Amino acid sequence: MWGLPSRPTGTPVRCSCCRKAIAVQVDNVLVPAVRQLTALGAVPMKRVGWFCSRACVGAYEFRFRVILEPEPFASVEARLSGGKPS
């Protein structure tokens, strides 16, 4: 799963298009962290969730005939940290 050194236990976060596991959520913390996920190409989208790549965003938009709005980075961090951006 994206080069994680070990497999943390928690809720898997999957790409909303291809369902590939891209992270694990443990106590409202993503492993790898939000900054690492976005550096690896993952994309958070409002009201939909995470995508592993822009290609999956495009495939999802085409399949469901929608235009998705990216979620601002700061709001992802704030939501995961209980309202306190890091």
C-alpha atoms as a PDB file:
ATOM      1  CA  MET A   1       0.000   0.000   0.000  1.00  0.00           C
ATOM      2  CA  TRP A   2       1.936   2.987  -1.314  1.00  0.00           C
ATOM      3  CA  GLY A   3       5.243   1.921   0.210  1.00  0.00           C
ATOM      4  CA  LEU A   4       4.277   1.905   3.878  1.00  0.00           C
ATOM      5  CA  PRO A   5       7.043   0.427   6.042  1.00  0.00           C
ATOM      6  CA  SER A   6       4.532  -1.529   8.128  1.00  0.00           C
ATOM      7  CA  ARG A   7       0.814  -2.197   7.949  1.00  0.00           C
ATOM      8  CA  PRO A   8      -0.974  -0.123  10.585  1.00  0.00           C
ATOM      9  CA  THR A   9      -4.348  -1.385  11.745  1.00  0.00           C
ATOM     10  CA  GLY A  10      -7.358   0.845  11.240  1.00  0.00           C
ATOM     11  CA  THR A  11      -9.982   1.714   8.661  1.00  0.00           C
ATOM     12  CA  PRO A  12      -8.688   1.534   5.089  1.00  0.00           C
ATOM     13  CA  VAL A  13      -9.128   4.638   2.950  1.00  0.00           C
ATOM     14  CA  ARG A  14      -9.819   3.556  -0.627  1.00  0.00           C
ATOM     15  CA  CYS A  15      -9.850   5.328  -3.959  1.00  0.00           C
ATOM     16  CA  SER A  16     -13.465   6.236  -4.759  1.00  0.00           C
ATOM     17  CA  CYS A  17     -12.970   5.025  -8.339  1.00  0.00           C
ATOM     18  CA  CYS A  18     -10.696   1.962  -8.456  1.00  0.00           C
ATOM     19  CA  ARG A  19     -11.034   1.009  -4.739  1.00  0.00           C
ATOM     20  CA  LYS A  20      -7.254   0.688  -4.281  1.00  0.00           C
ATOM     21  CA  ALA A  21      -6.253   1.128  -0.617  1.00  0.00           C
ATOM     22  CA  ILE A  22      -4.274   4.372  -0.403  1.00  0.00           C
ATOM     23  CA  ALA A  23      -4.140   4.962   3.371  1.00  0.00           C
ATOM     24  CA  VAL A  24      -5.346   3.771   6.749  1.00  0.00           C
ATOM     25  CA  GLN A  25      -7.276   5.948   9.173  1.00  0.00           C
ATOM     26  CA  VAL A  26      -6.282   5.359  12.793  1.00  0.00           C
ATOM     27  CA  ASP A  27      -7.982   7.546  15.432  1.00  0.00           C
ATOM     28  CA  ASN A  28      -8.722  10.394  12.953  1.00  0.00           C
ATOM     29  CA  VAL A  29      -5.145  10.328  11.644  1.00  0.00           C
ATOM     30  CA  LEU A  30      -4.279   9.198   8.138  1.00  0.00           C
ATOM     31  CA  VAL A  31      -1.258   6.958   7.635  1.00  0.00           C
ATOM     32  CA  PRO A  32       0.497   8.125   5.485  1.00  0.00           C
ATOM     33  CA  ALA A  33      -0.270  11.747   6.407  1.00  0.00           C
ATOM     34  CA  VAL A  34      -2.366  14.028   4.201  1.00  0.00           C
ATOM     35  CA  ARG A  35       0.735  15.855   2.911  1.00  0.00           C
ATOM     36  CA  GLN A  36       2.373  12.563   1.937  1.00  0.00           C
ATOM     37  CA  LEU A  37      -0.782  11.321   0.207  1.00  0.00           C
ATOM     38  CA  THR A  38      -1.096  14.447  -1.900  1.00  0.00           C
ATOM     39  CA  ALA A  39       2.643  14.350  -2.711  1.00  0.00           C
ATOM     40  CA  LEU A  40       2.113  10.795  -3.987  1.00  0.00           C
ATOM     41  CA  GLY A  41      -0.681  12.027  -6.265  1.00  0.00           C
ATOM     42  CA  ALA A  42      -3.783  11.273  -4.189  1.00  0.00           C
ATOM     43  CA  VAL A  43      -6.604  13.793  -4.562  1.00  0.00           C
ATOM     44  CA  PRO A  44      -9.289  14.620  -1.939  1.00  0.00           C
ATOM     45  CA  MET A  45     -12.666  15.612  -3.396  1.00  0.00           C
ATOM     46  CA  LYS A  46     -15.548  17.311  -1.601  1.00  0.00           C
ATOM     47  CA  ARG A  47     -18.502  15.058  -0.764  1.00  0.00           C
ATOM     48  CA  VAL A  48     -16.922  12.050  -2.532  1.00  0.00           C
ATOM     49  CA  GLY A  49     -13.684  11.121  -0.770  1.00  0.00           C
ATOM     50  CA  TRP A  50     -10.183  10.263  -1.890  1.00  0.00           C
ATOM     51  CA  PHE A  51      -8.889   9.281  -5.324  1.00  0.00           C
ATOM     52  CA  CYS A  52      -5.501   7.652  -5.888  1.00  0.00           C
ATOM     53  CA  SER A  53      -4.759   9.846  -8.939  1.00  0.00           C
ATOM     54  CA  ARG A  54      -6.081  12.532 -11.278  1.00  0.00           C
ATOM     55  CA  ALA A  55      -6.693   9.734 -13.804  1.00  0.00           C
ATOM     56  CA  CYS A  56      -9.164   8.102 -11.400  1.00  0.00           C
ATOM     57  CA  VAL A  57     -10.848  11.491 -10.856  1.00  0.00           C
ATOM     58  CA  GLY A  58     -11.305  11.792 -14.627  1.00  0.00           C
ATOM     59  CA  ALA A  59     -12.624   8.235 -14.940  1.00  0.00           C
ATOM     60  CA  TYR A  60     -15.110   8.807 -12.104  1.00  0.00           C
ATOM     61  CA  GLU A  61     -16.308  12.105 -13.626  1.00  0.00           C
ATOM     62  CA  PHE A  62     -16.751  10.415 -17.012  1.00  0.00           C
ATOM     63  CA  ARG A  63     -18.513   7.350 -15.611  1.00  0.00           C
ATOM     64  CA  PHE A  64     -21.000   9.325 -13.505  1.00  0.00           C
ATOM     65  CA  ARG A  65     -21.185  12.429 -15.735  1.00  0.00           C
ATOM     66  CA  VAL A  66     -20.281  14.817 -12.907  1.00  0.00           C
ATOM     67  CA  ILE A  67     -17.709  17.535 -12.332  1.00  0.00           C
ATOM     68  CA  LEU A  68     -15.988  17.144  -8.972  1.00  0.00           C
ATOM     69  CA  GLU A  69     -14.660  19.950  -6.815  1.00  0.00           C
ATOM     70  CA  PRO A  70     -11.310  19.382  -5.080  1.00  0.00           C
ATOM     71  CA  GLU A  71     -11.306  19.771  -1.307  1.00  0.00           C
ATOM     72  CA  PRO A  72      -8.826  22.384  -0.052  1.00  0.00           C
ATOM     73  CA  PHE A  73      -5.805  20.858   1.670  1.00  0.00           C
ATOM     74  CA  ALA A  74      -6.313  22.852   4.894  1.00  0.00           C
ATOM     75  CA  SER A  75      -9.912  21.682   5.234  1.00  0.00           C
ATOM     76  CA  VAL A  76      -8.852  18.015   4.933  1.00  0.00           C
ATOM     77  CA  GLU A  77      -6.302  18.456   7.699  1.00  0.00           C
ATOM     78  CA  ALA A  78      -8.768  20.398   9.880  1.00  0.00           C
ATOM     79  CA  ARG A  79     -11.487  17.755   9.463  1.00  0.00           C
ATOM     80  CA  LEU A  80      -9.109  14.946  10.396  1.00  0.00           C
ATOM     81  CA  SER A  81      -7.636  16.759  13.372  1.00  0.00           C
ATOM     82  CA  GLY A  82     -10.985  17.765  14.862  1.00  0.00           C
ATOM     83  CA  GLY A  83     -10.853  21.360  13.635  1.00  0.00           C
ATOM     84  CA  LYS A  84      -7.198  22.069  14.419  1.00  0.00           C
ATOM     85  CA  PRO A  85      -5.063  22.275  11.251  1.00  0.00           C
ATOM     86  CA  SER A  86      -1.476  21.161  11.783  1.00  0.00           C
END
